[in-house]
Amino acid sequence: MVKTVRSLFIAAAVVFLAPSAHAQQQSFSITPPPIVAPTFEKDKTDTKVRFTYVSLSGNGMDFSGGGIDGIVRKGFSDSFAGDLQGGLFVIGGDIAVPGSAKQPITFMNMLFSVNGEFLIHKGDVFSTLLFAGPNMSFMVGSMEYSCGPSCTDTMTMTSSLVGLQAGIQFGIKAGDFSIDPFAMIMSQQGSTTVSSSFGDTTTTIDPYTTTSFGVDLTYTPWNMSLSAIVQEAAKQSDKDKEGVKTNIYQLSWRF
């Protein structure tokens, strides 16, 4: 039973931290776009604060939660800028354990990134921006489970990932609104360690790639944006019958 619970705990962690690295999962990763807006100005500093709601279900899991992240960007010239992003997310839910009741799990995920931005076109209606840079993710988690008729135990987990990301964002002005679709590709690798009273298990997360697509809808008089994200990583096994259904919604303000 302990080995089964440990395997499920690791599988659930990998769904959040490295979806396509795990053969039985499909796709999920909390990855808001690390961009304030698709345009910037020389010598100007822009800040964006974003609130995120996440839910996902499938493969015996049912989770929901949210978090906050912030981005600060400095325009160094009319075409080049740099940004720094940091965020914190907390997600909780249940996972099905064969022969037992569903077990509650809580995860906390911290992410950081640094990007260079290149504004390749800035027009009155349409703009195009490219970005790229390194990123890091850190996760901690806990799960209380039954290890026997009169035995309960708690598993804890620590994980880390490092990698690179690159993407493109378009800006389309439509009156008081701006429609800003984006696409991003991220490559990461790392490890996760699960500890309990019965010992420790460390799993290496091999290099993997996740692709994200989404769109920001901004009401420019208020500098407020509503975002939706669809994330997909290629299935690693034909045995993945269900996959994971994911919904990500974000509300942000630009200063």
Protein backbone atom coordinates (compact mmCIF):
# COMPACT_ATOMS: atom_id res chain seq x y z
CA MET A 1 0.00 0.00 0.00
CA VAL A 2 2.80 2.44 0.91
CA LYS A 3 4.50 1.91 -2.47
CA THR A 4 1.19 2.43 -4.26
CA VAL A 5 0.44 5.67 -2.40
CA ARG A 6 4.00 6.91 -2.97
CA SER A 7 3.72 6.21 -6.71
CA LEU A 8 0.38 8.04 -6.91
CA PHE A 9 1.80 10.99 -4.94
CA ILE A 10 4.75 11.26 -7.34
CA ALA A 11 2.41 10.92 -10.32
CA ALA A 12 0.20 13.74 -9.03
CA ALA A 13 3.24 15.95 -8.39
CA VAL A 14 4.56 15.35 -11.90
CA VAL A 15 1.18 16.32 -13.38
CA PHE A 16 1.68 19.78 -11.89
CA LEU A 17 5.43 20.08 -12.28
CA ALA A 18 6.29 18.15 -15.45
CA PRO A 19 3.25 16.82 -17.29
CA SER A 20 4.79 15.31 -20.41
CA ALA A 21 7.58 13.66 -18.45
CA HIS A 22 5.14 11.17 -16.97
CA ALA A 23 3.86 8.43 -19.24
CA GLN A 24 0.40 8.15 -17.69
CA GLN A 25 -0.47 11.86 -17.64
CA GLN A 26 -1.36 14.19 -20.46
CA SER A 27 -0.79 17.88 -19.87
CA PHE A 28 -0.78 20.46 -17.12
CA SER A 29 1.54 23.12 -15.83
CA ILE A 30 0.83 26.44 -14.17
CA THR A 31 2.55 28.69 -16.70
CA PRO A 32 1.12 32.21 -17.04
CA PRO A 33 2.79 34.17 -19.87
CA PRO A 34 5.75 36.15 -18.45
CA ILE A 35 4.84 39.34 -20.35
CA VAL A 36 3.27 42.58 -19.11
CA ALA A 37 1.87 43.58 -22.51
CA PRO A 38 2.80 43.15 -26.21
CA THR A 39 4.34 46.66 -26.42
CA PHE A 40 6.64 48.82 -24.30
CA GLU A 41 8.39 52.21 -24.33
CA LYS A 42 12.02 53.17 -23.89
CA ASP A 43 13.06 53.95 -20.27
CA LYS A 44 9.59 53.13 -18.96
CA THR A 45 8.97 50.57 -16.18
CA ASP A 46 5.78 48.49 -16.37
CA THR A 47 4.33 46.29 -13.62
CA LYS A 48 1.62 43.64 -13.84
CA VAL A 49 -0.06 41.78 -10.98
CA ARG A 50 -2.11 38.71 -11.87
CA PHE A 51 -4.51 36.45 -9.97
CA THR A 52 -5.03 32.89 -11.24
CA TYR A 53 -7.70 30.23 -10.71
CA VAL A 54 -6.95 26.63 -11.74
CA SER A 55 -9.00 23.44 -11.81
CA LEU A 56 -8.21 20.03 -13.24
CA SER A 57 -9.65 16.54 -13.12
CA GLY A 58 -8.97 13.15 -14.66
CA ASN A 59 -6.96 9.97 -14.09
CA GLY A 60 -8.42 9.67 -10.57
CA MET A 61 -7.55 13.26 -9.57
CA ASP A 62 -9.68 16.29 -8.77
CA PHE A 63 -7.87 19.53 -7.87
CA SER A 64 -8.50 23.25 -7.67
CA GLY A 65 -6.68 26.27 -6.36
CA GLY A 66 -5.06 29.52 -7.33
CA GLY A 67 -2.27 31.98 -6.81
CA ILE A 68 -0.69 35.31 -7.58
CA ASP A 69 2.27 36.36 -9.69
CA GLY A 70 3.90 39.65 -10.61
CA ILE A 71 6.00 40.91 -13.52
CA VAL A 72 8.26 43.95 -13.70
CA ARG A 73 9.58 45.13 -17.08
CA LYS A 74 12.07 47.82 -18.07
CA GLY A 75 12.33 49.18 -21.61
CA PHE A 76 16.01 49.66 -22.50
CA SER A 77 15.33 50.94 -26.02
CA ASP A 78 12.46 51.24 -28.49
CA SER A 79 12.86 47.56 -29.43
CA PHE A 80 14.49 45.78 -26.45
CA ALA A 81 13.33 45.26 -22.84
CA GLY A 82 13.92 42.92 -19.91
CA ASP A 83 11.50 41.48 -17.36
CA LEU A 84 11.47 39.57 -14.07
CA GLN A 85 8.58 37.32 -12.96
CA GLY A 86 7.80 35.62 -9.65
CA GLY A 87 4.71 33.72 -8.51
CA LEU A 88 3.19 31.54 -5.80
CA PHE A 89 0.38 29.00 -6.33
CA VAL A 90 -1.45 26.68 -3.92
CA ILE A 91 -3.57 23.76 -5.14
CA GLY A 92 -5.42 21.07 -3.18
CA GLY A 93 -7.68 18.14 -3.91
CA ASP A 94 -8.09 14.39 -3.82
CA ILE A 95 -6.49 11.45 -5.58
CA ALA A 96 -7.98 7.97 -5.88
CA VAL A 97 -6.05 5.15 -4.16
CA PRO A 98 -6.95 1.57 -5.21
CA GLY A 99 -8.67 -0.29 -2.37
CA SER A 100 -8.96 2.84 -0.25
CA ALA A 101 -10.85 6.12 0.03
CA LYS A 102 -9.63 9.16 -1.87
CA GLN A 103 -6.63 10.79 -0.22
CA PRO A 104 -6.29 14.59 0.20
CA ILE A 105 -3.17 16.29 -1.22
CA THR A 106 -1.92 19.88 -1.05
CA PHE A 107 0.76 21.40 -3.29
CA MET A 108 2.50 24.78 -3.22
CA ASN A 109 4.37 25.85 -6.34
CA MET A 110 6.79 28.80 -6.71
CA LEU A 111 7.99 29.97 -10.11
CA PHE A 112 10.59 32.48 -11.30
CA SER A 113 11.73 33.64 -14.73
CA VAL A 114 13.87 36.29 -16.44
CA ASN A 115 13.25 37.27 -20.06
CA GLY A 116 14.61 39.41 -22.79
CA GLU A 117 11.93 40.97 -25.00
CA PHE A 118 12.28 42.09 -28.61
CA LEU A 119 9.54 44.26 -30.13
CA ILE A 120 9.73 43.42 -33.81
CA HIS A 121 6.70 45.49 -34.84
CA LYS A 122 4.71 48.27 -33.19
CA GLY A 123 1.84 49.79 -35.16
CA ASP A 124 -1.31 51.74 -34.43
CA VAL A 125 -3.41 48.56 -34.55
CA PHE A 126 -1.08 45.54 -34.63
CA SER A 127 2.14 44.67 -32.77
CA THR A 128 4.39 41.62 -32.41
CA LEU A 129 6.78 40.80 -29.55
CA LEU A 130 9.23 37.94 -29.03
CA PHE A 131 10.57 36.86 -25.62
CA ALA A 132 12.97 34.24 -24.24
CA GLY A 133 14.87 33.44 -21.06
CA PRO A 134 15.56 31.00 -18.19
CA ASN A 135 13.00 29.81 -15.62
CA MET A 136 12.86 27.89 -12.34
CA SER A 137 10.05 26.09 -10.48
CA PHE A 138 9.99 24.82 -6.89
CA MET A 139 7.22 22.72 -5.34
CA VAL A 140 6.40 21.33 -1.90
CA GLY A 141 3.52 19.03 -1.09
CA SER A 142 2.00 16.86 1.61
CA MET A 143 -0.39 13.91 1.74
CA GLU A 144 -1.85 12.08 4.75
CA TYR A 145 -2.70 8.44 4.06
CA SER A 146 -3.62 5.17 5.72
CA CYS A 147 -0.72 2.71 5.91
CA GLY A 148 -2.66 -0.07 7.68
CA PRO A 149 -5.73 -0.89 9.81
CA SER A 150 -4.46 1.31 12.66
CA CYS A 151 -1.68 3.22 10.92
CA THR A 152 -1.65 6.72 9.44
CA ASP A 153 1.33 8.52 8.00
CA THR A 154 2.18 11.73 6.14
CA MET A 155 4.19 11.94 2.94
CA THR A 156 6.01 15.14 2.05
CA MET A 157 7.49 16.10 -1.29
CA THR A 158 10.01 18.60 -2.62
CA SER A 159 10.61 19.19 -6.32
CA SER A 160 12.62 21.53 -8.48
CA LEU A 161 12.91 22.25 -12.19
CA VAL A 162 15.10 24.52 -14.29
CA GLY A 163 14.87 25.29 -17.98
CA LEU A 164 14.33 27.76 -20.78
CA GLN A 165 11.27 29.33 -22.33
CA ALA A 166 10.54 31.30 -25.49
CA GLY A 167 7.41 32.68 -27.07
CA ILE A 168 5.57 35.25 -29.11
CA GLN A 169 2.72 37.61 -28.27
CA PHE A 170 0.61 39.68 -30.65
CA GLY A 171 -1.31 42.85 -29.83
CA ILE A 172 -4.49 43.81 -31.68
CA LYS A 173 -6.18 47.10 -30.73
CA ALA A 174 -9.96 47.26 -31.06
CA GLY A 175 -11.29 50.52 -29.62
CA ASP A 176 -11.02 50.42 -25.81
CA PHE A 177 -9.94 46.77 -25.94
CA SER A 178 -6.71 45.00 -26.79
CA ILE A 179 -6.75 41.36 -27.90
CA ASP A 180 -3.34 39.78 -27.20
CA PRO A 181 -2.91 36.12 -28.23
CA PHE A 182 0.34 34.36 -27.31
CA ALA A 183 2.18 31.06 -27.71
CA MET A 184 5.06 29.78 -25.57
CA ILE A 185 7.31 26.73 -25.53
CA MET A 186 9.09 25.66 -22.35
CA SER A 187 11.81 23.05 -21.83
CA GLN A 188 12.62 21.90 -18.26
CA GLN A 189 14.23 19.13 -16.22
CA GLY A 190 14.78 18.36 -12.55
CA SER A 191 13.86 15.96 -9.77
CA THR A 192 11.28 15.24 -7.06
CA THR A 193 11.80 13.58 -3.66
CA VAL A 194 9.04 11.98 -1.57
CA SER A 195 9.68 11.31 2.14
CA SER A 196 7.69 9.31 4.70
CA SER A 197 8.25 7.20 7.81
CA PHE A 198 9.13 4.33 5.46
CA GLY A 199 11.97 6.10 3.66
CA ASP A 200 12.73 8.49 0.80
CA THR A 201 12.26 8.11 -2.95
CA THR A 202 13.86 10.43 -5.50
CA THR A 203 12.62 10.51 -9.09
CA THR A 204 14.52 12.23 -11.89
CA ILE A 205 12.41 14.31 -14.26
CA ASP A 206 14.02 13.98 -17.66
CA PRO A 207 14.04 16.94 -20.08
CA TYR A 208 10.56 17.59 -21.44
CA THR A 209 8.77 20.25 -23.46
CA THR A 210 5.39 21.89 -22.84
CA THR A 211 3.61 24.22 -25.27
CA SER A 212 1.11 26.84 -24.04
CA PHE A 213 -1.45 28.86 -25.99
CA GLY A 214 -3.68 31.62 -24.71
CA VAL A 215 -5.09 35.11 -25.11
CA ASP A 216 -5.31 38.24 -22.96
CA LEU A 217 -8.35 40.48 -23.35
CA THR A 218 -7.50 43.92 -21.93
CA TYR A 219 -9.84 46.84 -21.23
CA THR A 220 -7.30 49.63 -21.78
CA PRO A 221 -9.01 52.49 -19.85
CA TRP A 222 -8.67 50.39 -16.68
CA ASN A 223 -5.54 48.44 -17.71
CA MET A 224 -7.38 45.30 -16.58
CA SER A 225 -7.04 41.98 -18.40
CA LEU A 226 -8.98 38.72 -18.44
CA SER A 227 -6.97 35.74 -19.66
CA ALA A 228 -7.60 32.13 -20.56
CA ILE A 229 -4.93 29.49 -21.17
CA VAL A 230 -4.96 26.15 -22.97
CA GLN A 231 -1.91 23.97 -22.35
CA GLU A 232 -1.04 20.82 -24.19
CA ALA A 233 1.89 18.40 -24.15
CA ALA A 234 2.06 15.44 -26.51
CA LYS A 235 0.93 12.11 -25.02
CA GLN A 236 3.84 9.91 -24.13
CA SER A 237 1.85 6.65 -24.17
CA ASP A 238 -1.15 5.25 -26.04
CA LYS A 239 -2.29 3.78 -22.71
CA ASP A 240 -3.26 7.24 -21.48
CA LYS A 241 -7.03 6.76 -21.93
CA GLU A 242 -8.37 9.74 -20.01
CA GLY A 243 -5.80 12.48 -19.72
CA VAL A 244 -6.32 15.55 -17.56
CA LYS A 245 -8.91 18.27 -18.19
CA THR A 246 -7.54 21.69 -17.25
CA ASN A 247 -9.08 25.14 -16.89
CA ILE A 248 -6.99 28.24 -16.15
CA TYR A 249 -8.49 31.72 -15.69
CA GLN A 250 -6.60 34.91 -14.84
CA LEU A 251 -7.44 38.48 -13.89
CA SER A 252 -4.65 41.06 -13.96
CA TRP A 253 -3.91 44.76 -13.56
CA ARG A 254 -1.14 46.74 -15.21
CA PHE A 255 0.52 49.71 -13.48
